[in-house]
Protein backbone atom coordinates (compact mmCIF):
# COMPACT_ATOMS: atom_id res chain seq x y z
CA MET A 1 -174.45 -107.41 -64.72
CA SER A 2 -177.29 -109.88 -64.71
CA ARG A 3 -178.50 -111.17 -61.39
CA GLY A 4 -178.53 -114.88 -60.71
CA ARG A 5 -176.21 -115.95 -63.50
CA PRO A 6 -172.50 -115.52 -64.14
CA HIS A 7 -171.44 -112.80 -66.56
CA SER A 8 -169.24 -113.74 -69.44
CA ARG A 9 -168.63 -111.25 -72.19
CA PRO A 10 -169.72 -112.43 -75.62
CA ARG A 11 -167.16 -112.80 -78.37
CA CYS A 12 -166.93 -109.56 -80.35
CA PHE A 13 -166.81 -109.36 -84.11
CA GLY A 14 -164.02 -106.92 -84.98
CA GLY A 15 -163.42 -105.09 -81.71
CA SER A 16 -166.40 -103.48 -79.99
CA THR A 17 -169.08 -104.93 -82.24
CA PHE A 18 -172.00 -106.96 -80.94
CA ILE A 19 -174.96 -108.72 -82.53
CA LEU A 20 -178.37 -108.85 -80.86
CA ARG A 21 -180.51 -111.53 -82.49
CA VAL A 22 -184.15 -112.49 -82.16
CA ASP A 23 -184.78 -116.10 -83.12
CA ALA A 24 -187.96 -117.59 -84.58
CA GLU A 25 -189.31 -118.27 -81.07
CA GLY A 26 -188.66 -114.67 -79.97
CA LYS A 27 -185.65 -115.46 -77.77
CA PHE A 28 -182.70 -113.06 -77.63
CA THR A 29 -178.97 -113.72 -77.94
CA ILE A 30 -176.06 -111.31 -77.84
CA ASN A 31 -173.18 -112.70 -79.90
CA GLY A 32 -174.63 -116.15 -79.45
CA GLN A 33 -175.12 -115.96 -75.68
CA PRO A 34 -178.72 -116.21 -74.46
CA THR A 35 -180.22 -113.24 -72.64
CA THR A 36 -183.76 -112.43 -71.57
CA ASP A 37 -186.08 -109.44 -71.42
CA GLU A 38 -185.20 -109.17 -67.73
CA THR A 39 -181.39 -109.36 -68.10
CA ALA A 40 -180.65 -107.88 -71.53
CA VAL A 41 -180.57 -104.22 -70.47
CA ASP A 42 -178.07 -104.92 -67.68
CA ASP A 43 -175.98 -107.11 -70.01
CA LEU A 44 -175.95 -104.46 -72.74
CA LYS A 45 -175.08 -101.68 -70.28
CA LYS A 46 -172.11 -103.65 -68.95
CA TRP A 47 -170.80 -104.59 -72.40
CA TYR A 48 -171.29 -101.05 -73.70
CA GLY A 49 -169.33 -99.69 -70.73
CA GLU A 50 -166.50 -102.15 -71.32
CA ALA A 51 -166.46 -101.32 -75.04
CA LYS A 52 -166.41 -97.56 -74.37
CA ALA A 53 -163.43 -98.05 -72.03
CA VAL A 54 -161.36 -99.36 -74.96
CA GLU A 55 -162.95 -97.26 -77.70
CA ALA A 56 -159.68 -95.52 -78.60
CA VAL A 57 -158.09 -98.89 -79.40
CA GLN A 58 -161.01 -101.02 -80.65
CA GLY A 59 -163.31 -98.40 -82.17
CA LYS A 60 -166.77 -97.12 -81.37
CA PRO A 61 -169.22 -99.63 -79.85
CA VAL A 62 -171.60 -100.91 -82.51
CA ILE A 63 -174.51 -103.30 -82.10
CA PHE A 64 -176.09 -105.03 -85.06
CA PHE A 65 -179.69 -106.14 -84.89
CA ALA A 66 -180.93 -109.24 -86.68
CA ALA A 67 -184.34 -110.89 -86.49
CA ASP A 68 -185.23 -114.30 -87.86
CA ASP A 69 -187.76 -114.10 -90.70
CA LYS A 70 -190.20 -116.02 -88.50
CA ALA A 71 -189.76 -113.79 -85.44
CA LYS A 72 -192.86 -111.85 -84.45
CA TYR A 73 -192.71 -108.12 -85.10
CA VAL A 74 -193.41 -107.31 -81.45
CA ARG A 75 -190.28 -109.25 -80.41
CA ALA A 76 -188.15 -107.43 -82.98
CA VAL A 77 -189.38 -104.08 -81.66
CA ALA A 78 -188.74 -105.28 -78.09
CA ALA A 79 -185.11 -106.05 -78.99
CA LEU A 80 -184.61 -102.55 -80.41
CA ASP A 81 -186.21 -101.09 -77.30
CA LEU A 82 -183.78 -103.06 -75.09
CA ILE A 83 -180.87 -101.49 -76.97
CA LYS A 84 -182.41 -98.04 -76.50
CA GLN A 85 -183.02 -98.64 -72.79
CA SER A 86 -179.45 -99.82 -72.24
CA SER A 87 -177.98 -96.51 -73.41
CA ARG A 88 -180.73 -94.14 -72.25
CA ASP A 89 -178.51 -92.53 -69.59
CA ARG A 90 -175.49 -92.15 -71.90
CA ALA A 91 -174.48 -89.02 -73.78
CA GLU A 92 -173.59 -91.19 -76.78
CA PRO A 93 -175.88 -94.20 -77.32
CA TRP A 94 -175.08 -97.42 -79.17
CA THR A 95 -174.57 -97.17 -82.90
CA ILE A 96 -177.15 -99.62 -84.28
CA GLY A 97 -176.77 -101.46 -87.57
CA MET A 98 -179.31 -103.72 -89.23
CA MET A 99 -178.19 -107.10 -90.52
CA THR A 100 -179.74 -108.55 -93.64
CA GLU A 101 -177.14 -111.22 -94.48
CA ARG A 102 -175.07 -113.72 -92.53
CA LEU A 103 -171.53 -112.80 -91.55
CA PRO A 104 -168.74 -114.80 -93.22
CA GLU A 105 -167.93 -116.66 -89.97
CA GLN A 106 -171.48 -118.03 -90.00
CA VAL A 107 -171.03 -119.66 -93.39
CA GLY A 108 -170.56 -123.38 -93.01
CA ASP A 109 -173.66 -123.88 -90.93
CA GLY A 110 -175.67 -124.63 -94.06
CA ALA A 111 -176.04 -120.97 -95.05
CA ALA A 112 -175.27 -119.61 -98.46
CA GLU A 113 -172.17 -117.48 -98.95
CA PRO A 114 -173.03 -113.79 -98.41
CA ALA A 115 -173.06 -111.50 -101.44
CA LYS A 116 -169.82 -109.63 -101.92
């Protein structure tokens, strides 16, 4: 758990699924909740542990990675490294997916409907 701020688990998309985003300024969010370079590994470890505890019911923990088109490459690589670091000591690391389109629940914020 992150030091110096309360922990609240981000809303999951379909069970044990998370989304780590890098915005245009290089800031990270996990399912819409801000996190930092200093706190992300602890946050991801905690959420992975909680997801693994209910894996039989909710499915395997999956984290999707999405970077804004204007995000710097170095920040995108840093986000992927944070995911790797958070499961380094685990026999089974995160399953990582890459996002290229918005999820349906994001439509309505001015985004186009995703391709079907």
